[in-house]
Amino acid sequence: MQNDFFSVGITGGIGSGKSLVCKIFSVLGIPIYSSDERAKWLLAHHADLKDQVIRHFGAEAYDSEGNPNRSFLANEIFKKESNRQVLNSLVHPLVDEDFQRWRISHTNSPFTLKEAALLFETGSYKKLHKMVNVSAPEALRIRRVLLRDHHRDRDQVVAIMKKQWTDAEREKQADYTLRNDERQLLIPKVTRLYRQLCDDAA
């Protein structure tokens, strides 16, 4: 691929702080593609996707105004692993297509960042030039999520973690790992990585 299209994936387990890392990259002028936010948008606005979700999960998957019924879908996913696989198989290819279109509009940047929790698990990382893993100790990640997501309890957070790769698995596959354990300042770490990725893209 041409350097104009140099794309970097950034991932990490729930509570690792990848969104915070992305905010720092954004301040440095790097465009950020949030896979989770775009997936939510597509679920709400992509007609074919909505039809397929209703076909698999029933009319209750959307409310009377046509918005995704997130609590219902979340329950269906946790209830049955095959439901999670079905929803991912419907959403992830569309997110990937959406990202490919998006990054073409940011060719003036040194590189683009694609943020997603499941880049390794879905195989999406294979279409990216470099991968960044954001890691943090499990206890700290659980504490962060409980402070952030008041609708979750500890068991739910642990259940989500079990469905994701471990830090060790992600670190083995990633080109770079940022440790966000609150023992060292994060901004200098991200700034150093920014310079390295600019060199990689050059």
N, C-alpha and C. Protein backbone atom coordinates (compact mmCIF):
# COMPACT_ATOMS: atom_id res chain seq x y z
N MET A 1 0.83 -1.20 0.00
CA MET A 1 0.00 0.00 0.00
C MET A 1 0.87 1.26 0.00
N GLN A 2 0.31 2.34 -0.50
CA GLN A 2 1.02 3.60 -0.48
C GLN A 2 1.08 4.14 0.94
N ASN A 3 2.10 4.95 1.22
CA ASN A 3 2.23 5.54 2.54
C ASN A 3 1.04 6.42 2.90
N ASP A 4 0.37 7.00 1.86
CA ASP A 4 -0.81 7.83 2.11
C ASP A 4 -1.88 7.08 2.88
N PHE A 5 -1.87 5.76 2.77
CA PHE A 5 -2.92 4.95 3.38
C PHE A 5 -2.42 4.17 4.60
N PHE A 6 -1.32 4.61 5.18
CA PHE A 6 -0.74 3.90 6.32
C PHE A 6 -1.73 3.93 7.49
N SER A 7 -2.12 2.75 7.92
CA SER A 7 -3.15 2.64 8.96
C SER A 7 -2.65 1.78 10.12
N VAL A 8 -2.93 2.25 11.31
CA VAL A 8 -2.49 1.60 12.53
C VAL A 8 -3.71 1.18 13.35
N GLY A 9 -3.68 -0.03 13.85
CA GLY A 9 -4.75 -0.49 14.72
C GLY A 9 -4.35 -0.28 16.17
N ILE A 10 -5.31 0.09 17.00
CA ILE A 10 -5.05 0.23 18.43
C ILE A 10 -6.12 -0.55 19.18
N THR A 11 -5.67 -1.46 20.02
CA THR A 11 -6.59 -2.34 20.71
C THR A 11 -6.15 -2.54 22.15
N GLY A 12 -6.95 -3.26 22.88
CA GLY A 12 -6.66 -3.52 24.29
C GLY A 12 -7.93 -4.03 24.95
N GLY A 13 -7.77 -4.73 26.04
CA GLY A 13 -8.93 -5.26 26.74
C GLY A 13 -9.76 -4.16 27.36
N ILE A 14 -10.97 -4.51 27.75
CA ILE A 14 -11.86 -3.56 28.39
C ILE A 14 -11.18 -2.95 29.61
N GLY A 15 -11.24 -1.61 29.71
CA GLY A 15 -10.63 -0.93 30.84
C GLY A 15 -9.15 -0.66 30.71
N SER A 16 -8.56 -1.00 29.57
CA SER A 16 -7.11 -0.80 29.40
C SER A 16 -6.75 0.66 29.20
N GLY A 17 -7.71 1.45 28.69
CA GLY A 17 -7.45 2.87 28.47
C GLY A 17 -7.12 3.23 27.04
N LYS A 18 -7.52 2.38 26.09
CA LYS A 18 -7.18 2.67 24.69
C LYS A 18 -7.86 3.95 24.19
N SER A 19 -9.06 4.26 24.71
CA SER A 19 -9.73 5.49 24.29
C SER A 19 -8.96 6.72 24.75
N LEU A 20 -8.38 6.66 25.94
CA LEU A 20 -7.56 7.76 26.43
C LEU A 20 -6.32 7.93 25.56
N VAL A 21 -5.70 6.82 25.20
CA VAL A 21 -4.52 6.87 24.31
C VAL A 21 -4.92 7.50 22.98
N CYS A 22 -6.09 7.14 22.47
CA CYS A 22 -6.55 7.71 21.20
C CYS A 22 -6.77 9.21 21.31
N LYS A 23 -7.26 9.67 22.46
CA LYS A 23 -7.46 11.11 22.64
C LYS A 23 -6.13 11.86 22.57
N ILE A 24 -5.08 11.27 23.12
CA ILE A 24 -3.76 11.89 23.06
C ILE A 24 -3.27 11.93 21.61
N PHE A 25 -3.45 10.82 20.88
CA PHE A 25 -3.08 10.81 19.46
C PHE A 25 -3.87 11.86 18.69
N SER A 26 -5.13 12.03 19.04
CA SER A 26 -5.97 13.02 18.36
C SER A 26 -5.44 14.43 18.57
N VAL A 27 -4.99 14.73 19.79
CA VAL A 27 -4.39 16.04 20.08
C VAL A 27 -3.13 16.25 19.24
N LEU A 28 -2.44 15.15 18.95
CA LEU A 28 -1.24 15.22 18.11
C LEU A 28 -1.58 15.31 16.62
N GLY A 29 -2.87 15.32 16.30
CA GLY A 29 -3.30 15.52 14.92
C GLY A 29 -3.60 14.27 14.13
N ILE A 30 -3.68 13.12 14.82
CA ILE A 30 -3.94 11.87 14.12
C ILE A 30 -5.45 11.57 14.10
N PRO A 31 -6.02 11.32 12.91
CA PRO A 31 -7.45 10.99 12.82
C PRO A 31 -7.73 9.63 13.48
N ILE A 32 -8.81 9.56 14.25
CA ILE A 32 -9.17 8.34 14.98
C ILE A 32 -10.48 7.79 14.44
N TYR A 33 -10.47 6.52 14.09
CA TYR A 33 -11.70 5.83 13.69
C TYR A 33 -12.13 4.94 14.85
N SER A 34 -13.27 5.25 15.47
CA SER A 34 -13.77 4.45 16.58
C SER A 34 -14.71 3.37 16.04
N SER A 35 -14.23 2.14 16.03
CA SER A 35 -15.03 1.04 15.49
C SER A 35 -16.33 0.85 16.28
N ASP A 36 -16.26 1.00 17.60
CA ASP A 36 -17.46 0.81 18.43
C ASP A 36 -18.52 1.85 18.10
N GLU A 37 -18.10 3.11 17.98
CA GLU A 37 -19.07 4.17 17.68
C GLU A 37 -19.67 4.00 16.29
N ARG A 38 -18.84 3.62 15.33
CA ARG A 38 -19.35 3.43 13.97
C ARG A 38 -20.26 2.20 13.89
N ALA A 39 -19.94 1.17 14.67
CA ALA A 39 -20.81 -0.01 14.70
C ALA A 39 -22.18 0.37 15.23
N LYS A 40 -22.22 1.20 16.28
CA LYS A 40 -23.50 1.66 16.83
C LYS A 40 -24.27 2.46 15.78
N TRP A 41 -23.55 3.31 15.04
CA TRP A 41 -24.20 4.12 14.02
C TRP A 41 -24.78 3.23 12.91
N LEU A 42 -24.00 2.26 12.47
CA LEU A 42 -24.46 1.37 11.41
C LEU A 42 -25.67 0.55 11.86
N LEU A 43 -25.65 0.09 13.10
CA LEU A 43 -26.80 -0.66 13.63
C LEU A 43 -28.07 0.18 13.60
N ALA A 44 -27.92 1.49 13.77
CA ALA A 44 -29.08 2.37 13.83
C ALA A 44 -29.52 2.87 12.45
N HIS A 45 -28.59 2.91 11.48
CA HIS A 45 -28.90 3.59 10.22
C HIS A 45 -28.76 2.73 8.95
N HIS A 46 -28.08 1.62 9.01
CA HIS A 46 -27.87 0.81 7.81
C HIS A 46 -29.06 -0.13 7.62
N ALA A 47 -29.85 0.14 6.59
CA ALA A 47 -31.13 -0.56 6.41
C ALA A 47 -30.96 -2.08 6.28
N ASP A 48 -30.03 -2.52 5.44
CA ASP A 48 -29.83 -3.96 5.26
C ASP A 48 -29.38 -4.63 6.55
N LEU A 49 -28.51 -3.96 7.30
CA LEU A 49 -28.05 -4.52 8.57
C LEU A 49 -29.21 -4.64 9.55
N LYS A 50 -30.04 -3.61 9.61
CA LYS A 50 -31.19 -3.66 10.52
C LYS A 50 -32.11 -4.82 10.18
N ASP A 51 -32.34 -5.01 8.88
CA ASP A 51 -33.19 -6.12 8.45
C ASP A 51 -32.62 -7.47 8.88
N GLN A 52 -31.32 -7.64 8.73
CA GLN A 52 -30.68 -8.90 9.09
C GLN A 52 -30.69 -9.13 10.61
N VAL A 53 -30.48 -8.07 11.36
CA VAL A 53 -30.51 -8.19 12.82
C VAL A 53 -31.90 -8.59 13.29
N ILE A 54 -32.92 -7.97 12.71
CA ILE A 54 -34.31 -8.32 13.07
C ILE A 54 -34.62 -9.75 12.67
N ARG A 55 -34.10 -10.18 11.52
CA ARG A 55 -34.34 -11.54 11.05
C ARG A 55 -33.75 -12.56 12.03
N HIS A 56 -32.60 -12.25 12.59
CA HIS A 56 -31.92 -13.20 13.49
C HIS A 56 -32.39 -13.09 14.93
N PHE A 57 -32.68 -11.86 15.38
CA PHE A 57 -32.96 -11.66 16.80
C PHE A 57 -34.41 -11.28 17.11
N GLY A 58 -35.18 -11.00 16.06
CA GLY A 58 -36.58 -10.64 16.27
C GLY A 58 -36.77 -9.13 16.34
N ALA A 59 -38.04 -8.72 16.26
CA ALA A 59 -38.39 -7.30 16.23
C ALA A 59 -37.97 -6.56 17.49
N GLU A 60 -37.80 -7.29 18.59
CA GLU A 60 -37.42 -6.66 19.86
C GLU A 60 -36.01 -6.09 19.82
N ALA A 61 -35.24 -6.42 18.78
CA ALA A 61 -33.88 -5.90 18.66
C ALA A 61 -33.87 -4.39 18.44
N TYR A 62 -35.02 -3.82 18.04
CA TYR A 62 -35.14 -2.37 17.84
C TYR A 62 -36.38 -1.86 18.56
N ASP A 63 -36.30 -0.59 19.00
CA ASP A 63 -37.47 -0.01 19.68
C ASP A 63 -38.45 0.54 18.66
N SER A 64 -39.50 1.16 19.14
CA SER A 64 -40.57 1.64 18.26
C SER A 64 -40.11 2.75 17.32
N GLU A 65 -39.00 3.41 17.68
CA GLU A 65 -38.47 4.49 16.83
C GLU A 65 -37.37 4.00 15.90
N GLY A 66 -37.11 2.69 15.91
CA GLY A 66 -36.11 2.13 15.02
C GLY A 66 -34.69 2.18 15.54
N ASN A 67 -34.52 2.50 16.82
CA ASN A 67 -33.19 2.52 17.44
C ASN A 67 -32.85 1.14 18.00
N PRO A 68 -31.57 0.76 17.95
CA PRO A 68 -31.19 -0.55 18.50
C PRO A 68 -31.55 -0.66 19.98
N ASN A 69 -32.12 -1.80 20.35
CA ASN A 69 -32.43 -2.08 21.75
C ASN A 69 -31.18 -2.71 22.37
N ARG A 70 -30.29 -1.85 22.87
CA ARG A 70 -28.97 -2.31 23.29
C ARG A 70 -29.02 -3.29 24.46
N SER A 71 -29.90 -3.05 25.41
CA SER A 71 -29.98 -3.96 26.56
C SER A 71 -30.47 -5.34 26.12
N PHE A 72 -31.43 -5.38 25.20
CA PHE A 72 -31.92 -6.66 24.69
C PHE A 72 -30.82 -7.41 23.94
N LEU A 73 -30.13 -6.70 23.05
CA LEU A 73 -29.06 -7.34 22.27
C LEU A 73 -27.93 -7.80 23.17
N ALA A 74 -27.59 -6.99 24.18
CA ALA A 74 -26.53 -7.38 25.11
C ALA A 74 -26.91 -8.66 25.85
N ASN A 75 -28.16 -8.76 26.27
CA ASN A 75 -28.62 -9.97 26.97
C ASN A 75 -28.58 -11.18 26.06
N GLU A 76 -28.98 -11.00 24.79
CA GLU A 76 -28.96 -12.10 23.84
C GLU A 76 -27.54 -12.59 23.60
N ILE A 77 -26.60 -11.66 23.53
CA ILE A 77 -25.20 -12.02 23.28
C ILE A 77 -24.62 -12.79 24.46
N PHE A 78 -24.91 -12.31 25.68
CA PHE A 78 -24.37 -12.99 26.86
C PHE A 78 -25.06 -14.32 27.12
N LYS A 79 -26.29 -14.43 26.66
CA LYS A 79 -27.05 -15.66 26.88
C LYS A 79 -26.49 -16.82 26.05
N LYS A 80 -26.04 -16.49 24.84
CA LYS A 80 -25.65 -17.55 23.91
C LYS A 80 -24.47 -17.10 23.06
N GLU A 81 -23.39 -17.86 23.08
CA GLU A 81 -22.19 -17.51 22.33
C GLU A 81 -22.47 -17.41 20.83
N SER A 82 -23.34 -18.28 20.32
CA SER A 82 -23.64 -18.25 18.89
C SER A 82 -24.31 -16.93 18.48
N ASN A 83 -25.06 -16.33 19.41
CA ASN A 83 -25.68 -15.02 19.12
C ASN A 83 -24.62 -13.95 18.94
N ARG A 84 -23.60 -13.99 19.78
CA ARG A 84 -22.51 -13.03 19.66
C ARG A 84 -21.80 -13.19 18.32
N GLN A 85 -21.59 -14.44 17.92
CA GLN A 85 -20.91 -14.70 16.65
C GLN A 85 -21.74 -14.21 15.47
N VAL A 86 -23.06 -14.40 15.55
CA VAL A 86 -23.94 -13.95 14.48
C VAL A 86 -23.88 -12.43 14.35
N LEU A 87 -24.02 -11.72 15.47
CA LEU A 87 -24.01 -10.26 15.43
C LEU A 87 -22.68 -9.74 14.91
N ASN A 88 -21.59 -10.33 15.37
CA ASN A 88 -20.27 -9.92 14.89
C ASN A 88 -20.13 -10.16 13.40
N SER A 89 -20.64 -11.28 12.93
CA SER A 89 -20.52 -11.60 11.50
C SER A 89 -21.32 -10.63 10.63
N LEU A 90 -22.36 -10.03 11.20
CA LEU A 90 -23.16 -9.04 10.47
C LEU A 90 -22.53 -7.65 10.51
N VAL A 91 -22.00 -7.29 11.68
CA VAL A 91 -21.53 -5.92 11.89
C VAL A 91 -20.10 -5.69 11.41
N HIS A 92 -19.19 -6.61 11.75
CA HIS A 92 -17.76 -6.36 11.51
C HIS A 92 -17.40 -6.14 10.03
N PRO A 93 -17.95 -6.90 9.08
CA PRO A 93 -17.61 -6.62 7.68
C PRO A 93 -18.04 -5.23 7.23
N LEU A 94 -19.18 -4.76 7.74
CA LEU A 94 -19.64 -3.41 7.38
C LEU A 94 -18.76 -2.35 8.01
N VAL A 95 -18.31 -2.58 9.23
CA VAL A 95 -17.39 -1.64 9.88
C VAL A 95 -16.09 -1.57 9.10
N ASP A 96 -15.62 -2.72 8.64
CA ASP A 96 -14.37 -2.74 7.87
C ASP A 96 -14.52 -1.95 6.57
N GLU A 97 -15.63 -2.13 5.87
CA GLU A 97 -15.88 -1.37 4.64
C GLU A 97 -15.96 0.13 4.94
N ASP A 98 -16.64 0.45 6.02
CA ASP A 98 -16.80 1.85 6.42
C ASP A 98 -15.43 2.48 6.72
N PHE A 99 -14.57 1.72 7.38
CA PHE A 99 -13.23 2.21 7.71
C PHE A 99 -12.41 2.45 6.45
N GLN A 100 -12.49 1.54 5.49
CA GLN A 100 -11.72 1.68 4.26
C GLN A 100 -12.11 2.97 3.54
N ARG A 101 -13.41 3.28 3.53
CA ARG A 101 -13.87 4.53 2.91
C ARG A 101 -13.38 5.74 3.71
N TRP A 102 -13.46 5.64 5.03
CA TRP A 102 -13.08 6.75 5.91
C TRP A 102 -11.62 7.12 5.77
N ARG A 103 -10.75 6.13 5.74
CA ARG A 103 -9.32 6.44 5.78
C ARG A 103 -8.85 7.11 4.49
N ILE A 104 -9.54 6.89 3.39
CA ILE A 104 -9.18 7.54 2.13
C ILE A 104 -9.34 9.06 2.23
N SER A 105 -10.21 9.51 3.12
CA SER A 105 -10.44 10.95 3.28
C SER A 105 -9.42 11.59 4.22
N HIS A 106 -8.45 10.80 4.70
CA HIS A 106 -7.46 11.33 5.64
C HIS A 106 -6.04 11.07 5.15
N THR A 107 -5.84 11.19 3.85
CA THR A 107 -4.53 10.87 3.29
C THR A 107 -3.48 11.95 3.56
N ASN A 108 -3.90 13.10 4.09
CA ASN A 108 -2.93 14.15 4.40
C ASN A 108 -2.26 13.94 5.76
N SER A 109 -2.77 12.97 6.54
CA SER A 109 -2.19 12.69 7.85
C SER A 109 -1.06 11.68 7.71
N PRO A 110 -0.08 11.69 8.64
CA PRO A 110 1.01 10.72 8.56
C PRO A 110 0.50 9.28 8.63
N PHE A 111 -0.55 9.07 9.41
CA PHE A 111 -1.20 7.76 9.49
C PHE A 111 -2.57 7.94 10.13
N THR A 112 -3.39 6.91 10.05
CA THR A 112 -4.70 6.91 10.72
C THR A 112 -4.69 5.82 11.78
N LEU A 113 -5.56 5.98 12.77
CA LEU A 113 -5.70 5.01 13.85
C LEU A 113 -7.09 4.41 13.83
N LYS A 114 -7.15 3.09 13.86
CA LYS A 114 -8.43 2.39 13.97
C LYS A 114 -8.51 1.78 15.37
N GLU A 115 -9.44 2.27 16.17
CA GLU A 115 -9.60 1.79 17.54
C GLU A 115 -10.70 0.73 17.59
N ALA A 116 -10.36 -0.43 18.15
CA ALA A 116 -11.36 -1.50 18.31
C ALA A 116 -10.87 -2.48 19.37
N ALA A 117 -11.81 -3.02 20.12
CA ALA A 117 -11.46 -3.99 21.17
C ALA A 117 -11.08 -5.35 20.60
N LEU A 118 -11.63 -5.68 19.43
CA LEU A 118 -11.50 -7.05 18.93
C LEU A 118 -10.76 -7.13 17.58
N LEU A 119 -9.75 -6.32 17.39
CA LEU A 119 -9.02 -6.34 16.12
C LEU A 119 -8.32 -7.67 15.88
N PHE A 120 -7.76 -8.25 16.91
CA PHE A 120 -7.10 -9.55 16.76
C PHE A 120 -8.13 -10.66 16.64
N GLU A 121 -9.14 -10.62 17.51
CA GLU A 121 -10.13 -11.70 17.56
C GLU A 121 -10.88 -11.85 16.23
N THR A 122 -11.12 -10.73 15.54
CA THR A 122 -11.88 -10.78 14.28
C THR A 122 -10.99 -10.95 13.06
N GLY A 123 -9.68 -10.82 13.24
CA GLY A 123 -8.77 -10.91 12.10
C GLY A 123 -8.62 -9.61 11.34
N SER A 124 -9.28 -8.54 11.80
CA SER A 124 -9.21 -7.24 11.11
C SER A 124 -7.81 -6.66 11.09
N TYR A 125 -6.99 -7.05 12.05
CA TYR A 125 -5.63 -6.51 12.14
C TYR A 125 -4.80 -6.82 10.90
N LYS A 126 -5.17 -7.86 10.17
CA LYS A 126 -4.38 -8.27 9.00
C LYS A 126 -4.43 -7.22 7.89
N LYS A 127 -5.40 -6.32 7.93
CA LYS A 127 -5.53 -5.29 6.90
C LYS A 127 -4.87 -3.97 7.33
N LEU A 128 -4.18 -4.00 8.46
CA LEU A 128 -3.54 -2.80 8.98
C LEU A 128 -2.02 -2.95 8.94
N HIS A 129 -1.32 -1.84 8.88
CA HIS A 129 0.14 -1.89 8.75
C HIS A 129 0.84 -2.21 10.06
N LYS A 130 0.36 -1.62 11.15
CA LYS A 130 0.96 -1.83 12.47
C LYS A 130 -0.15 -1.99 13.50
N MET A 131 0.21 -2.67 14.61
CA MET A 131 -0.77 -2.86 15.69
C MET A 131 -0.18 -2.38 17.02
N VAL A 132 -0.99 -1.60 17.74
CA VAL A 132 -0.63 -1.12 19.07
C VAL A 132 -1.57 -1.76 20.09
N ASN A 133 -0.98 -2.34 21.12
CA ASN A 133 -1.76 -2.94 22.20
C ASN A 133 -1.62 -2.06 23.45
N VAL A 134 -2.75 -1.70 24.05
CA VAL A 134 -2.74 -0.96 25.31
C VAL A 134 -3.04 -1.94 26.43
N SER A 135 -2.16 -2.02 27.41
CA SER A 135 -2.33 -3.01 28.48
C SER A 135 -2.35 -2.36 29.85
N ALA A 136 -2.94 -3.06 30.80
CA ALA A 136 -3.00 -2.62 32.19
C ALA A 136 -3.31 -3.84 33.05
N PRO A 137 -2.93 -3.82 34.31
CA PRO A 137 -3.24 -4.95 35.20
C PRO A 137 -4.75 -5.17 35.30
N GLU A 138 -5.13 -6.44 35.41
CA GLU A 138 -6.55 -6.80 35.41
C GLU A 138 -7.33 -6.09 36.51
N ALA A 139 -6.79 -6.05 37.72
CA ALA A 139 -7.51 -5.42 38.83
C ALA A 139 -7.77 -3.94 38.55
N LEU A 140 -6.80 -3.27 37.95
CA LEU A 140 -6.97 -1.86 37.60
C LEU A 140 -8.01 -1.70 36.51
N ARG A 141 -8.00 -2.58 35.53
CA ARG A 141 -8.98 -2.51 34.45
C ARG A 141 -10.40 -2.69 34.99
N ILE A 142 -10.59 -3.64 35.89
CA ILE A 142 -11.92 -3.87 36.48
C ILE A 142 -12.37 -2.62 37.23
N ARG A 143 -11.47 -2.03 38.01
CA ARG A 143 -11.82 -0.84 38.78
C ARG A 143 -12.22 0.31 37.86
N ARG A 144 -11.47 0.49 36.78
CA ARG A 144 -11.80 1.56 35.83
C ARG A 144 -13.19 1.38 35.24
N VAL A 145 -13.50 0.15 34.83
CA VAL A 145 -14.79 -0.10 34.17
C VAL A 145 -15.94 0.12 35.15
N LEU A 146 -15.77 -0.32 36.40
CA LEU A 146 -16.84 -0.16 37.38
C LEU A 146 -17.08 1.32 37.71
N LEU A 147 -16.01 2.12 37.67
CA LEU A 147 -16.16 3.56 37.89
C LEU A 147 -16.82 4.23 36.68
N ARG A 148 -16.56 3.70 35.50
CA ARG A 148 -17.06 4.29 34.26
C ARG A 148 -18.46 3.81 33.90
N ASP A 149 -18.70 2.52 34.00
CA ASP A 149 -19.96 1.90 33.58
C ASP A 149 -20.76 1.48 34.81
N HIS A 150 -21.60 2.36 35.27
CA HIS A 150 -22.35 2.07 36.51
C HIS A 150 -23.39 0.97 36.33
N HIS A 151 -23.71 0.64 35.09
CA HIS A 151 -24.70 -0.40 34.85
C HIS A 151 -24.09 -1.80 34.88
N ARG A 152 -22.78 -1.90 35.02
CA ARG A 152 -22.12 -3.21 35.06
C ARG A 152 -21.70 -3.55 36.48
N ASP A 153 -21.64 -4.85 36.78
CA ASP A 153 -21.05 -5.29 38.04
C ASP A 153 -19.76 -6.06 37.73
N ARG A 154 -19.05 -6.45 38.78
CA ARG A 154 -17.74 -7.07 38.60
C ARG A 154 -17.83 -8.36 37.77
N ASP A 155 -18.85 -9.17 38.03
CA ASP A 155 -18.99 -10.44 37.30
C ASP A 155 -19.16 -10.20 35.80
N GLN A 156 -19.90 -9.16 35.45
CA GLN A 156 -20.10 -8.85 34.03
C GLN A 156 -18.79 -8.41 33.37
N VAL A 157 -18.02 -7.61 34.08
CA VAL A 157 -16.74 -7.16 33.54
C VAL A 157 -15.80 -8.34 33.32
N VAL A 158 -15.75 -9.24 34.31
CA VAL A 158 -14.90 -10.42 34.20
C VAL A 158 -15.36 -11.30 33.03
N ALA A 159 -16.67 -11.41 32.85
CA ALA A 159 -17.21 -12.21 31.74
C ALA A 159 -16.79 -11.64 30.39
N ILE A 160 -16.79 -10.31 30.28
CA ILE A 160 -16.34 -9.66 29.05
C ILE A 160 -14.86 -9.95 28.81
N MET A 161 -14.08 -9.85 29.87
CA MET A 161 -12.64 -10.11 29.75
C MET A 161 -12.36 -11.51 29.25
N LYS A 162 -13.14 -12.46 29.70
CA LYS A 162 -12.92 -13.85 29.31
C LYS A 162 -13.19 -14.09 27.83
N LYS A 163 -14.00 -13.22 27.23
CA LYS A 163 -14.31 -13.36 25.80
C LYS A 163 -13.26 -12.67 24.93
N GLN A 164 -12.38 -11.89 25.56
CA GLN A 164 -11.33 -11.19 24.84
C GLN A 164 -10.00 -11.92 25.00
N TRP A 165 -9.08 -11.62 24.10
CA TRP A 165 -7.73 -12.16 24.24
C TRP A 165 -7.11 -11.65 25.54
N THR A 166 -6.16 -12.37 26.06
CA THR A 166 -5.42 -11.91 27.23
C THR A 166 -4.39 -10.88 26.79
N ASP A 167 -3.87 -10.11 27.75
CA ASP A 167 -2.81 -9.15 27.44
C ASP A 167 -1.60 -9.84 26.82
N ALA A 168 -1.28 -11.02 27.34
CA ALA A 168 -0.13 -11.76 26.83
C ALA A 168 -0.32 -12.14 25.36
N GLU A 169 -1.54 -12.56 25.01
CA GLU A 169 -1.83 -12.94 23.62
C GLU A 169 -1.76 -11.72 22.70
N ARG A 170 -2.33 -10.60 23.16
CA ARG A 170 -2.29 -9.38 22.34
C ARG A 170 -0.86 -8.88 22.17
N GLU A 171 -0.11 -8.91 23.27
CA GLU A 171 1.26 -8.40 23.22
C GLU A 171 2.13 -9.22 22.27
N LYS A 172 1.87 -10.50 22.20
CA LYS A 172 2.63 -11.36 21.31
C LYS A 172 2.41 -11.00 19.85
N GLN A 173 1.21 -10.58 19.51
CA GLN A 173 0.86 -10.25 18.13
C GLN A 173 1.13 -8.79 17.77
N ALA A 174 1.12 -7.91 18.77
CA ALA A 174 1.22 -6.47 18.50
C ALA A 174 2.65 -6.07 18.13
N ASP A 175 2.74 -4.98 17.36
CA ASP A 175 4.05 -4.40 17.05
C ASP A 175 4.56 -3.55 18.21
N TYR A 176 3.62 -2.91 18.90
CA TYR A 176 3.97 -2.06 20.04
C TYR A 176 2.96 -2.29 21.17
N THR A 177 3.45 -2.22 22.41
CA THR A 177 2.57 -2.28 23.56
C THR A 177 2.80 -1.07 24.45
N LEU A 178 1.71 -0.38 24.78
CA LEU A 178 1.74 0.75 25.70
C LEU A 178 1.19 0.28 27.05
N ARG A 179 1.97 0.41 28.10
CA ARG A 179 1.49 0.02 29.42
C ARG A 179 0.85 1.23 30.09
N ASN A 180 -0.41 1.10 30.38
CA ASN A 180 -1.19 2.18 30.98
C ASN A 180 -1.55 1.78 32.42
N ASP A 181 -0.50 1.62 33.24
CA ASP A 181 -0.70 1.12 34.61
C ASP A 181 -0.68 2.22 35.67
N GLU A 182 -0.64 3.48 35.21
CA GLU A 182 -0.68 4.66 36.08
C GLU A 182 0.57 4.80 36.94
N ARG A 183 1.63 4.07 36.60
CA ARG A 183 2.90 4.20 37.33
C ARG A 183 3.82 5.21 36.66
N GLN A 184 3.61 5.42 35.36
CA GLN A 184 4.40 6.39 34.61
C GLN A 184 3.45 7.26 33.81
N LEU A 185 3.88 8.49 33.50
CA LEU A 185 3.04 9.40 32.72
C LEU A 185 2.76 8.81 31.34
N LEU A 186 1.51 8.90 30.93
CA LEU A 186 1.10 8.29 29.66
C LEU A 186 1.45 9.17 28.46
N ILE A 187 1.32 10.48 28.60
CA ILE A 187 1.53 11.37 27.45
C ILE A 187 2.92 11.22 26.84
N PRO A 188 4.01 11.19 27.62
CA PRO A 188 5.33 10.99 27.00
C PRO A 188 5.44 9.65 26.27
N LYS A 189 4.80 8.61 26.80
CA LYS A 189 4.84 7.31 26.12
C LYS A 189 4.16 7.39 24.76
N VAL A 190 2.98 8.02 24.72
CA VAL A 190 2.24 8.13 23.47
C VAL A 190 3.01 9.01 22.49
N THR A 191 3.62 10.07 22.98
CA THR A 191 4.38 10.97 22.11
C THR A 191 5.55 10.24 21.45
N ARG A 192 6.24 9.40 22.24
CA ARG A 192 7.34 8.62 21.67
C ARG A 192 6.83 7.65 20.62
N LEU A 193 5.70 7.01 20.90
CA LEU A 193 5.12 6.07 19.95
C LEU A 193 4.65 6.80 18.69
N TYR A 194 4.11 7.98 18.85
CA TYR A 194 3.68 8.80 17.71
C TYR A 194 4.86 9.04 16.76
N ARG A 195 6.01 9.41 17.33
CA ARG A 195 7.20 9.64 16.50
C ARG A 195 7.64 8.37 15.79
N GLN A 196 7.58 7.25 16.50
CA GLN A 196 7.98 5.98 15.90
C GLN A 196 7.05 5.60 14.76
N LEU A 197 5.75 5.80 14.94
CA LEU A 197 4.78 5.45 13.89
C LEU A 197 4.90 6.40 12.69
N CYS A 198 5.24 7.64 12.94
CA CYS A 198 5.50 8.57 11.83
C CYS A 198 6.70 8.08 11.01
N ASP A 199 7.73 7.60 11.71
CA ASP A 199 8.89 7.03 11.00
C ASP A 199 8.48 5.78 10.22
N ASP A 200 7.66 4.94 10.82
CA ASP A 200 7.20 3.72 10.15
C ASP A 200 6.44 4.04 8.88
N ALA A 201 5.65 5.12 8.94
CA ALA A 201 4.80 5.46 7.80
C ALA A 201 5.56 6.18 6.69
N ALA A 202 6.72 6.71 7.03
CA ALA A 202 7.47 7.53 6.05
C ALA A 202 8.02 6.69 4.90
